[in-house]
Amino acid sequence: MKEVITIPTNKILPAGRTLGIEPNRLSEVSGFPDITGTTKVEREWEALLPTLLAPGKVSMLMKGNRDQAIELSSLSSGDGKILMYSGKADGNTHIRTLEPKQFREELMAVMATNIPGKDIARPMSLDALFVLAALSDFIKRQKAQIMLGLTQEPTPPTLSEIQSLLDKAENTMEARWWLTPFLYHIYGLRRKIVVSDAVTQLQTFELVAENEGNVYPTEAGFILLDQLTFRRGIVGFHSFYFEEGKPVQSTQVL
């Protein structure tokens, strides 16, 4: 059974103050309300508060699969301990302590554990990654339209169609089912993607080709798209930590 410790969210900082814990800058990412004063500390809170208020790393975790809704939670880690927690409408923060091995196992349970892992690492710009995701989603949507008899045969998208999908993805597409809106949620991207520049880069990698304004994956591109999208689940981290005294943000999608 997964043990969950519940702390009233507005008591986290006062409880830390009672124990003499000085919150570090990373704890601000978690958004605990800045309540003055002190408060009574329950015994079960004592082991959690140092990691909550003075973490070595804080991550925003987003995970989902085809069977359940997107789940958002936060992670604070330090001294080999991982806390997974989320604030609820009831005014409480619900916290679980995880061992690193247990955490890895839970993430693997979200993804396809029976599919051999593949290294799909490839250096490319963020815009190129988003265009690949949009191309994948366009092909997926077109296959569904063919199955429903809404169109007769597949046609590669134009640059403007890719741009249109990118512009609308975050607000009109479900992040559980489509790769593009999931990436928008993970990266928190608010700027416009420059599709033409991204396509040029993908052509350099020989992942896409362009003909008379239409963009289509090459053989290598189809292989990469399959590896990107053939997942039972998907997990994203947006992390904050310090490295050599400098603040660092990093994003990972699994």
Protein backbone atom coordinates (compact mmCIF):
# COMPACT_ATOMS: atom_id res chain seq x y z
CA MET A 1 0.00 0.00 0.00
CA LYS A 2 1.29 3.46 -0.90
CA GLU A 3 1.51 5.57 2.27
CA VAL A 4 0.37 9.14 1.76
CA ILE A 5 1.11 11.85 4.33
CA THR A 6 -1.21 14.85 4.28
CA ILE A 7 -0.10 18.32 5.39
CA PRO A 8 -2.35 21.41 5.17
CA THR A 9 -0.70 23.43 2.42
CA ASN A 10 -0.80 26.69 4.37
CA LYS A 11 1.06 25.03 7.28
CA ILE A 12 4.10 23.80 5.34
CA LEU A 13 6.20 26.97 5.68
CA PRO A 14 5.12 27.67 9.30
CA ALA A 15 5.90 24.04 10.22
CA GLY A 16 9.35 24.36 8.67
CA ARG A 17 9.89 27.55 10.63
CA THR A 18 8.97 25.72 13.84
CA LEU A 19 11.71 23.18 13.10
CA GLY A 20 14.23 25.88 12.19
CA ILE A 21 14.33 24.90 8.51
CA GLU A 22 15.39 27.73 6.22
CA PRO A 23 13.64 27.36 2.82
CA ASN A 24 16.01 27.58 -0.12
CA ARG A 25 15.31 29.25 -3.45
CA LEU A 26 14.24 26.00 -5.10
CA SER A 27 11.37 25.55 -2.65
CA GLU A 28 9.75 28.68 -4.14
CA VAL A 29 9.08 26.68 -7.32
CA SER A 30 6.65 24.48 -5.39
CA GLY A 31 4.42 27.47 -4.70
CA PHE A 32 3.75 26.90 -1.01
CA PRO A 33 1.88 29.95 0.37
CA ASP A 34 4.08 32.33 2.34
CA ILE A 35 2.30 32.21 5.70
CA THR A 36 3.98 33.92 8.65
CA GLY A 37 4.38 32.49 12.13
CA THR A 38 4.84 28.93 13.35
CA THR A 39 2.52 25.99 13.88
CA LYS A 40 2.34 22.66 15.65
CA VAL A 41 4.31 19.99 13.78
CA GLU A 42 2.99 16.45 13.59
CA ARG A 43 5.65 13.77 14.04
CA GLU A 44 5.05 12.30 10.57
CA TRP A 45 5.81 15.67 8.98
CA GLU A 46 9.29 15.98 10.46
CA ALA A 47 11.03 13.66 8.00
CA LEU A 48 9.38 15.34 4.99
CA LEU A 49 9.78 19.05 5.66
CA PRO A 50 13.58 19.30 5.12
CA THR A 51 13.25 17.87 1.60
CA LEU A 52 10.13 19.91 0.83
CA LEU A 53 11.64 23.21 1.96
CA ALA A 54 15.34 22.75 1.19
CA PRO A 55 15.43 20.41 -1.82
CA GLY A 56 18.42 19.78 -4.03
CA LYS A 57 16.14 19.56 -7.06
CA VAL A 58 12.50 20.31 -7.83
CA SER A 59 10.67 18.86 -10.83
CA MET A 60 7.21 19.27 -12.28
CA LEU A 61 6.07 15.82 -13.42
CA MET A 62 3.41 15.19 -16.05
CA LYS A 63 2.45 11.66 -16.99
CA GLY A 64 -0.37 9.94 -18.75
CA ASN A 65 -1.40 6.95 -20.76
CA ARG A 66 -4.35 5.86 -22.85
CA ASP A 67 -6.28 4.57 -19.85
CA GLN A 68 -6.27 7.56 -17.54
CA ALA A 69 -6.21 11.33 -17.51
CA ILE A 70 -3.04 13.37 -17.47
CA GLU A 71 -1.62 13.43 -13.95
CA LEU A 72 0.34 16.42 -12.67
CA SER A 73 2.51 16.33 -9.57
CA SER A 74 5.68 17.80 -8.13
CA LEU A 75 8.90 16.13 -7.04
CA SER A 76 11.41 17.36 -4.49
CA SER A 77 14.59 15.40 -3.96
CA GLY A 78 17.63 15.57 -1.74
CA ASP A 79 19.92 13.23 0.21
CA GLY A 80 18.71 10.23 -1.79
CA LYS A 81 15.06 10.87 -0.94
CA ILE A 82 12.29 11.61 -3.44
CA LEU A 83 8.99 13.19 -2.42
CA MET A 84 6.08 13.14 -4.84
CA TYR A 85 3.32 15.53 -3.90
CA SER A 86 0.39 17.51 -5.20
CA GLY A 87 -1.92 20.15 -3.78
CA LYS A 88 -5.64 19.43 -3.86
CA ALA A 89 -8.78 21.51 -3.76
CA ASP A 90 -9.28 20.45 -0.13
CA GLY A 91 -6.41 22.74 0.85
CA ASN A 92 -4.00 19.90 1.62
CA THR A 93 -0.76 18.70 0.07
CA HIS A 94 -0.60 14.92 -0.25
CA ILE A 95 2.93 13.52 -0.12
CA ARG A 96 4.51 10.14 -0.84
CA THR A 97 8.10 9.15 -0.12
CA LEU A 98 9.67 7.07 -2.87
CA GLU A 99 12.93 5.18 -3.16
CA PRO A 100 14.69 5.84 -6.50
CA LYS A 101 14.12 2.24 -7.62
CA GLN A 102 10.42 2.43 -6.74
CA PHE A 103 10.10 5.72 -8.64
CA ARG A 104 11.71 4.22 -11.75
CA GLU A 105 9.37 1.23 -11.56
CA GLU A 106 6.32 3.50 -11.38
CA LEU A 107 7.46 5.47 -14.41
CA MET A 108 8.08 2.27 -16.36
CA ALA A 109 4.56 1.15 -15.48
CA VAL A 110 3.23 4.24 -17.28
CA MET A 111 5.26 3.44 -20.38
CA ALA A 112 5.34 0.25 -22.42
CA THR A 113 7.37 -2.09 -20.26
CA ASN A 114 7.19 -4.95 -22.75
CA ILE A 115 8.72 -2.94 -25.59
CA PRO A 116 12.52 -2.98 -25.84
CA GLY A 117 14.03 0.40 -25.11
CA LYS A 118 15.59 2.28 -27.99
CA ASP A 119 18.00 5.17 -28.04
CA ILE A 120 16.33 7.85 -30.12
CA ALA A 121 18.60 10.65 -28.99
CA ARG A 122 19.18 13.12 -31.79
CA PRO A 123 20.45 16.69 -31.49
CA MET A 124 17.89 19.09 -32.92
CA SER A 125 16.26 22.40 -32.12
CA LEU A 126 13.07 22.60 -30.09
CA ASP A 127 11.25 23.91 -33.17
CA ALA A 128 12.34 20.83 -35.14
CA LEU A 129 11.06 18.53 -32.40
CA PHE A 130 7.68 20.29 -32.41
CA VAL A 131 7.42 20.08 -36.19
CA LEU A 132 8.17 16.35 -36.02
CA ALA A 133 5.43 15.98 -33.41
CA ALA A 134 2.99 17.96 -35.56
CA LEU A 135 3.86 15.84 -38.60
CA SER A 136 3.22 12.69 -36.57
CA ASP A 137 -0.13 13.99 -35.32
CA PHE A 138 -1.16 15.10 -38.82
CA ILE A 139 -0.48 11.61 -40.19
CA LYS A 140 -2.32 9.99 -37.28
CA ARG A 141 -5.36 12.25 -37.76
CA GLN A 142 -5.38 11.60 -41.49
CA LYS A 143 -5.34 7.83 -40.93
CA ALA A 144 -8.39 8.20 -38.68
CA GLN A 145 -10.16 10.29 -41.35
CA ILE A 146 -9.50 7.57 -43.94
CA MET A 147 -10.90 4.91 -41.59
CA LEU A 148 -14.04 7.02 -41.11
CA GLY A 149 -14.41 7.60 -44.84
CA LEU A 150 -13.87 11.35 -44.51
CA THR A 151 -11.00 11.32 -46.99
CA GLN A 152 -9.91 8.84 -49.65
CA GLU A 153 -6.12 8.85 -49.59
CA PRO A 154 -3.31 10.36 -47.53
CA THR A 155 -1.72 13.59 -48.67
CA PRO A 156 1.39 15.10 -47.07
CA PRO A 157 0.78 18.35 -45.17
CA THR A 158 1.84 21.74 -46.41
CA LEU A 159 3.94 24.10 -44.34
CA SER A 160 0.82 26.13 -43.57
CA GLU A 161 -1.09 23.02 -42.42
CA ILE A 162 1.74 22.13 -40.03
CA GLN A 163 1.73 25.72 -38.78
CA SER A 164 -2.03 25.60 -38.27
CA LEU A 165 -1.81 22.37 -36.26
CA LEU A 166 0.93 23.84 -34.07
CA ASP A 167 -1.07 27.02 -33.48
CA LYS A 168 -4.18 25.12 -32.37
CA ALA A 169 -2.73 22.02 -30.70
CA GLU A 170 -2.47 23.24 -27.11
CA ASN A 171 -6.10 24.36 -26.86
CA THR A 172 -7.93 21.94 -29.15
CA MET A 173 -6.11 18.58 -28.87
CA GLU A 174 -6.08 16.10 -25.97
CA ALA A 175 -2.58 15.67 -24.53
CA ARG A 176 -3.18 11.99 -23.72
CA TRP A 177 -3.67 11.11 -27.37
CA TRP A 178 -1.57 13.60 -29.31
CA LEU A 179 2.14 14.28 -29.03
CA THR A 180 2.11 17.99 -29.95
CA PRO A 181 -0.10 19.29 -27.10
CA PHE A 182 1.79 17.09 -24.64
CA LEU A 183 5.05 18.77 -25.63
CA TYR A 184 3.43 22.20 -25.28
CA HIS A 185 2.39 21.31 -21.73
CA ILE A 186 5.82 19.97 -20.83
CA TYR A 187 7.93 22.76 -22.31
CA GLY A 188 5.49 25.54 -21.42
CA LEU A 189 6.22 27.02 -24.83
CA ARG A 190 4.51 30.36 -25.49
CA ARG A 191 6.29 31.54 -28.62
CA LYS A 192 5.44 30.77 -32.23
CA ILE A 193 7.24 27.88 -33.92
CA VAL A 194 9.14 28.85 -37.09
CA VAL A 195 8.08 25.92 -39.26
CA SER A 196 10.16 26.72 -42.35
CA ASP A 197 13.43 26.90 -40.39
CA ALA A 198 12.60 23.69 -38.53
CA VAL A 199 11.83 21.84 -41.77
CA THR A 200 15.16 23.00 -43.21
CA GLN A 201 16.95 21.52 -40.20
CA LEU A 202 15.00 18.26 -40.47
CA GLN A 203 15.94 18.09 -44.16
CA THR A 204 19.58 18.44 -43.16
CA PHE A 205 19.11 15.40 -40.91
CA GLU A 206 17.39 13.62 -43.84
CA LEU A 207 14.30 13.06 -41.69
CA VAL A 208 11.86 14.92 -43.96
CA ALA A 209 11.68 15.97 -47.58
CA GLU A 210 9.77 18.83 -49.20
CA ASN A 211 8.18 18.79 -52.62
CA GLU A 212 6.09 21.66 -54.02
CA GLY A 213 5.30 22.92 -50.53
CA ASN A 214 4.36 19.51 -49.11
CA VAL A 215 6.36 17.97 -46.27
CA TYR A 216 6.67 14.23 -45.78
CA PRO A 217 8.90 11.95 -43.69
CA THR A 218 11.76 10.07 -45.28
CA GLU A 219 12.34 6.41 -44.46
CA ALA A 220 14.57 7.45 -41.55
CA GLY A 221 11.93 9.98 -40.53
CA PHE A 222 9.19 7.34 -40.37
CA ILE A 223 11.41 5.17 -38.17
CA LEU A 224 12.00 8.06 -35.76
CA LEU A 225 8.30 9.00 -35.72
CA ASP A 226 7.42 5.41 -34.88
CA GLN A 227 9.87 5.43 -32.00
CA LEU A 228 8.53 8.76 -30.74
CA THR A 229 4.87 7.80 -30.85
CA PHE A 230 4.70 4.04 -30.27
CA ARG A 231 4.28 4.33 -26.52
CA ARG A 232 1.66 3.11 -24.10
CA GLY A 233 2.36 6.16 -21.99
CA ILE A 234 4.47 9.28 -21.88
CA VAL A 235 6.23 11.12 -19.08
CA GLY A 236 7.65 14.63 -18.95
CA PHE A 237 9.81 16.44 -16.39
CA HIS A 238 10.52 20.14 -16.06
CA SER A 239 13.28 20.42 -13.46
CA PHE A 240 14.99 23.19 -11.50
CA TYR A 241 18.33 22.80 -9.71
CA PHE A 242 21.69 24.47 -9.17
CA GLU A 243 24.89 23.42 -10.89
CA GLU A 244 28.16 25.02 -9.82
CA GLY A 245 26.14 27.70 -8.07
CA LYS A 246 24.13 28.61 -11.16
CA PRO A 247 20.37 28.00 -11.57
CA VAL A 248 19.50 25.43 -14.24
CA GLN A 249 16.22 24.47 -15.90
CA SER A 250 15.94 21.27 -17.90
CA THR A 251 13.13 19.44 -19.65
CA GLN A 252 12.96 15.74 -20.44
CA VAL A 253 10.29 13.73 -22.21
CA LEU A 254 10.27 9.92 -21.98
